[in-house]
Amino acid sequence: MLHALLAFVCGLTPGSALARLAGWLALAGGSIFALALYAVGPLHMSAFGMVAPIGGMLMICAWVALAIAAARSPLIQPSSSL
């Protein structure tokens, strides 16, 4: 559910291309992961078990891309006066 929220927010937020890429990666990764698990479970297609990690890796890449986009954002600057 959290990855769907990530894809939705990144898709609606105007900003960097990296944030939009994070949204697309989350959408693709979540879809591939869920479809692979559905194919393994109810459909008993065990060969699709090897596809699920690809979806998981895409979701991890989405979070990394979002973190890099946030670090590059001019809205977030570390304060130098403490």
N, C-alpha and C. Protein backbone atom coordinates (compact mmCIF):
# COMPACT_ATOMS: atom_id res chain seq x y z
N MET A 1 0.81 -1.19 0.00
CA MET A 1 0.00 0.00 0.00
C MET A 1 0.86 1.26 0.00
N LEU A 2 1.96 1.19 0.72
CA LEU A 2 2.84 2.35 0.81
C LEU A 2 3.48 2.67 -0.54
N HIS A 3 3.77 1.64 -1.32
CA HIS A 3 4.38 1.86 -2.63
C HIS A 3 3.37 2.47 -3.60
N ALA A 4 2.11 2.13 -3.45
CA ALA A 4 1.08 2.75 -4.28
C ALA A 4 0.96 4.23 -3.96
N LEU A 5 1.07 4.57 -2.69
CA LEU A 5 1.04 5.98 -2.29
C LEU A 5 2.25 6.72 -2.85
N LEU A 6 3.40 6.07 -2.83
CA LEU A 6 4.61 6.66 -3.41
C LEU A 6 4.41 6.95 -4.89
N ALA A 7 3.89 5.99 -5.63
CA ALA A 7 3.67 6.18 -7.06
C ALA A 7 2.66 7.29 -7.31
N PHE A 8 1.61 7.36 -6.51
CA PHE A 8 0.57 8.37 -6.68
C PHE A 8 1.12 9.76 -6.42
N VAL A 9 1.84 9.92 -5.31
CA VAL A 9 2.37 11.24 -4.95
C VAL A 9 3.42 11.71 -5.94
N CYS A 10 4.30 10.82 -6.35
CA CYS A 10 5.33 11.20 -7.32
C CYS A 10 4.73 11.53 -8.67
N GLY A 11 3.65 10.89 -9.02
CA GLY A 11 3.01 11.18 -10.29
C GLY A 11 2.30 12.53 -10.31
N LEU A 12 1.80 12.95 -9.16
CA LEU A 12 1.08 14.22 -9.10
C LEU A 12 1.95 15.41 -8.75
N THR A 13 3.13 15.16 -8.20
CA THR A 13 3.98 16.25 -7.75
C THR A 13 4.80 16.79 -8.91
N PRO A 14 4.64 18.09 -9.21
CA PRO A 14 5.51 18.66 -10.22
C PRO A 14 6.91 18.80 -9.63
N GLY A 15 7.88 18.53 -10.42
CA GLY A 15 9.24 18.63 -9.89
C GLY A 15 10.23 17.97 -10.81
N SER A 16 11.20 17.38 -10.21
CA SER A 16 12.31 16.83 -10.98
C SER A 16 11.90 15.56 -11.73
N ALA A 17 12.65 15.30 -12.76
CA ALA A 17 12.42 14.08 -13.53
C ALA A 17 12.75 12.85 -12.70
N LEU A 18 13.65 12.99 -11.74
CA LEU A 18 14.01 11.87 -10.89
C LEU A 18 12.85 11.47 -9.98
N ALA A 19 12.08 12.44 -9.51
CA ALA A 19 10.91 12.13 -8.69
C ALA A 19 9.84 11.44 -9.53
N ARG A 20 9.66 11.88 -10.77
CA ARG A 20 8.70 11.21 -11.65
C ARG A 20 9.16 9.79 -11.97
N LEU A 21 10.47 9.62 -12.16
CA LEU A 21 11.01 8.29 -12.40
C LEU A 21 10.74 7.39 -11.20
N ALA A 22 10.87 7.93 -10.00
CA ALA A 22 10.58 7.15 -8.80
C ALA A 22 9.14 6.67 -8.79
N GLY A 23 8.23 7.52 -9.22
CA GLY A 23 6.82 7.12 -9.30
C GLY A 23 6.60 5.99 -10.28
N TRP A 24 7.22 6.08 -11.44
CA TRP A 24 7.07 5.03 -12.45
C TRP A 24 7.71 3.73 -11.99
N LEU A 25 8.87 3.84 -11.33
CA LEU A 25 9.52 2.63 -10.82
C LEU A 25 8.67 1.95 -9.75
N ALA A 26 8.06 2.76 -8.88
CA ALA A 26 7.20 2.19 -7.84
C ALA A 26 5.97 1.53 -8.45
N LEU A 27 5.40 2.15 -9.44
CA LEU A 27 4.24 1.57 -10.11
C LEU A 27 4.59 0.26 -10.81
N ALA A 28 5.68 0.26 -11.56
CA ALA A 28 6.10 -0.96 -12.26
C ALA A 28 6.50 -2.05 -11.28
N GLY A 29 7.26 -1.68 -10.26
CA GLY A 29 7.72 -2.66 -9.29
C GLY A 29 6.58 -3.27 -8.50
N GLY A 30 5.64 -2.45 -8.06
CA GLY A 30 4.49 -2.98 -7.32
C GLY A 30 3.63 -3.87 -8.17
N SER A 31 3.45 -3.50 -9.42
CA SER A 31 2.63 -4.31 -10.32
C SER A 31 3.30 -5.66 -10.61
N ILE A 32 4.58 -5.62 -10.92
CA ILE A 32 5.29 -6.87 -11.22
C ILE A 32 5.32 -7.78 -10.00
N PHE A 33 5.59 -7.21 -8.83
CA PHE A 33 5.66 -8.00 -7.60
C PHE A 33 4.31 -8.63 -7.29
N ALA A 34 3.24 -7.84 -7.36
CA ALA A 34 1.91 -8.37 -7.03
C ALA A 34 1.45 -9.42 -8.04
N LEU A 35 1.68 -9.17 -9.31
CA LEU A 35 1.26 -10.15 -10.32
C LEU A 35 2.06 -11.45 -10.22
N ALA A 36 3.34 -11.33 -9.88
CA ALA A 36 4.14 -12.54 -9.72
C ALA A 36 3.65 -13.37 -8.54
N LEU A 37 3.32 -12.70 -7.43
CA LEU A 37 2.82 -13.43 -6.27
C LEU A 37 1.45 -14.04 -6.55
N TYR A 38 0.63 -13.34 -7.32
CA TYR A 38 -0.67 -13.88 -7.68
C TYR A 38 -0.50 -15.12 -8.58
N ALA A 39 0.46 -15.07 -9.48
CA ALA A 39 0.69 -16.21 -10.36
C ALA A 39 1.20 -17.42 -9.58
N VAL A 40 2.02 -17.17 -8.56
CA VAL A 40 2.55 -18.28 -7.76
C VAL A 40 1.47 -18.86 -6.85
N GLY A 41 0.70 -17.99 -6.20
CA GLY A 41 -0.29 -18.46 -5.22
C GLY A 41 -1.49 -19.14 -5.84
N PRO A 42 -2.51 -18.38 -6.21
CA PRO A 42 -3.75 -18.99 -6.70
C PRO A 42 -3.61 -19.74 -8.03
N LEU A 43 -2.71 -19.29 -8.89
CA LEU A 43 -2.60 -19.92 -10.21
C LEU A 43 -1.61 -21.07 -10.24
N HIS A 44 -0.85 -21.27 -9.19
CA HIS A 44 0.11 -22.36 -9.06
C HIS A 44 1.13 -22.40 -10.20
N MET A 45 1.59 -21.23 -10.59
CA MET A 45 2.62 -21.13 -11.64
C MET A 45 3.95 -20.81 -10.94
N SER A 46 4.63 -21.82 -10.48
CA SER A 46 5.81 -21.62 -9.63
C SER A 46 6.97 -20.93 -10.35
N ALA A 47 7.00 -20.96 -11.64
CA ALA A 47 8.09 -20.30 -12.38
C ALA A 47 8.07 -18.79 -12.18
N PHE A 48 6.92 -18.22 -11.87
CA PHE A 48 6.82 -16.78 -11.67
C PHE A 48 7.40 -16.34 -10.33
N GLY A 49 7.77 -17.30 -9.49
CA GLY A 49 8.43 -16.95 -8.23
C GLY A 49 9.77 -16.27 -8.45
N MET A 50 10.38 -16.53 -9.60
CA MET A 50 11.67 -15.90 -9.92
C MET A 50 11.48 -14.47 -10.41
N VAL A 51 10.27 -14.06 -10.71
CA VAL A 51 10.00 -12.72 -11.22
C VAL A 51 9.75 -11.74 -10.07
N ALA A 52 9.26 -12.22 -8.94
CA ALA A 52 8.91 -11.34 -7.82
C ALA A 52 10.09 -10.49 -7.34
N PRO A 53 11.32 -11.02 -7.24
CA PRO A 53 12.43 -10.16 -6.80
C PRO A 53 12.72 -8.99 -7.75
N ILE A 54 12.38 -9.13 -9.01
CA ILE A 54 12.57 -8.01 -9.95
C ILE A 54 11.65 -6.86 -9.55
N GLY A 55 10.41 -7.17 -9.22
CA GLY A 55 9.49 -6.13 -8.77
C GLY A 55 9.95 -5.50 -7.46
N GLY A 56 10.46 -6.32 -6.56
CA GLY A 56 10.97 -5.79 -5.30
C GLY A 56 12.16 -4.88 -5.51
N MET A 57 13.04 -5.25 -6.42
CA MET A 57 14.21 -4.42 -6.72
C MET A 57 13.79 -3.09 -7.34
N LEU A 58 12.78 -3.12 -8.19
CA LEU A 58 12.28 -1.87 -8.78
C LEU A 58 11.70 -0.95 -7.70
N MET A 59 11.03 -1.54 -6.71
CA MET A 59 10.49 -0.72 -5.61
C MET A 59 11.60 -0.12 -4.77
N ILE A 60 12.66 -0.89 -4.53
CA ILE A 60 13.81 -0.35 -3.79
C ILE A 60 14.45 0.79 -4.58
N CYS A 61 14.60 0.61 -5.88
CA CYS A 61 15.17 1.66 -6.73
C CYS A 61 14.30 2.92 -6.72
N ALA A 62 12.99 2.73 -6.62
CA ALA A 62 12.09 3.88 -6.55
C ALA A 62 12.34 4.70 -5.29
N TRP A 63 12.50 4.02 -4.16
CA TRP A 63 12.76 4.74 -2.90
C TRP A 63 14.12 5.43 -2.95
N VAL A 64 15.12 4.80 -3.55
CA VAL A 64 16.44 5.42 -3.66
C VAL A 64 16.37 6.64 -4.57
N ALA A 65 15.67 6.53 -5.69
CA ALA A 65 15.52 7.67 -6.60
C ALA A 65 14.79 8.82 -5.92
N LEU A 66 13.78 8.51 -5.12
CA LEU A 66 13.06 9.56 -4.40
C LEU A 66 13.95 10.23 -3.37
N ALA A 67 14.78 9.46 -2.68
CA ALA A 67 15.69 10.04 -1.69
C ALA A 67 16.71 10.95 -2.36
N ILE A 68 17.23 10.54 -3.51
CA ILE A 68 18.19 11.39 -4.24
C ILE A 68 17.51 12.66 -4.73
N ALA A 69 16.28 12.54 -5.22
CA ALA A 69 15.54 13.72 -5.68
C ALA A 69 15.28 14.68 -4.52
N ALA A 70 14.97 14.14 -3.36
CA ALA A 70 14.73 14.99 -2.19
C ALA A 70 16.02 15.67 -1.73
N ALA A 71 17.13 14.95 -1.80
CA ALA A 71 18.41 15.55 -1.40
C ALA A 71 18.85 16.66 -2.35
N ARG A 72 18.49 16.53 -3.60
CA ARG A 72 18.84 17.56 -4.60
C ARG A 72 17.87 18.73 -4.62
N SER A 73 16.76 18.60 -3.93
CA SER A 73 15.72 19.62 -3.96
C SER A 73 16.21 20.90 -3.28
N PRO A 74 15.93 22.05 -3.88
CA PRO A 74 16.34 23.32 -3.24
C PRO A 74 15.48 23.66 -2.02
N LEU A 75 14.39 22.96 -1.82
CA LEU A 75 13.53 23.23 -0.67
C LEU A 75 14.11 22.70 0.63
N ILE A 76 14.97 21.72 0.54
CA ILE A 76 15.55 21.12 1.72
C ILE A 76 17.02 21.49 1.78
N GLN A 77 17.36 22.42 2.66
CA GLN A 77 18.72 22.84 2.84
C GLN A 77 19.09 22.70 4.31
N PRO A 78 20.23 22.10 4.61
CA PRO A 78 20.62 22.00 6.01
C PRO A 78 20.97 23.39 6.55
N SER A 79 20.54 23.65 7.78
CA SER A 79 20.80 24.96 8.34
C SER A 79 22.23 24.99 8.89
N SER A 80 22.92 26.06 8.61
CA SER A 80 24.31 26.19 9.06
C SER A 80 24.42 26.93 10.38
N SER A 81 23.34 27.55 10.82
CA SER A 81 23.39 28.31 12.08
C SER A 81 22.71 27.51 13.19
N LEU A 82 23.50 27.02 14.10
CA LEU A 82 22.96 26.28 15.24
C LEU A 82 23.21 26.98 16.51
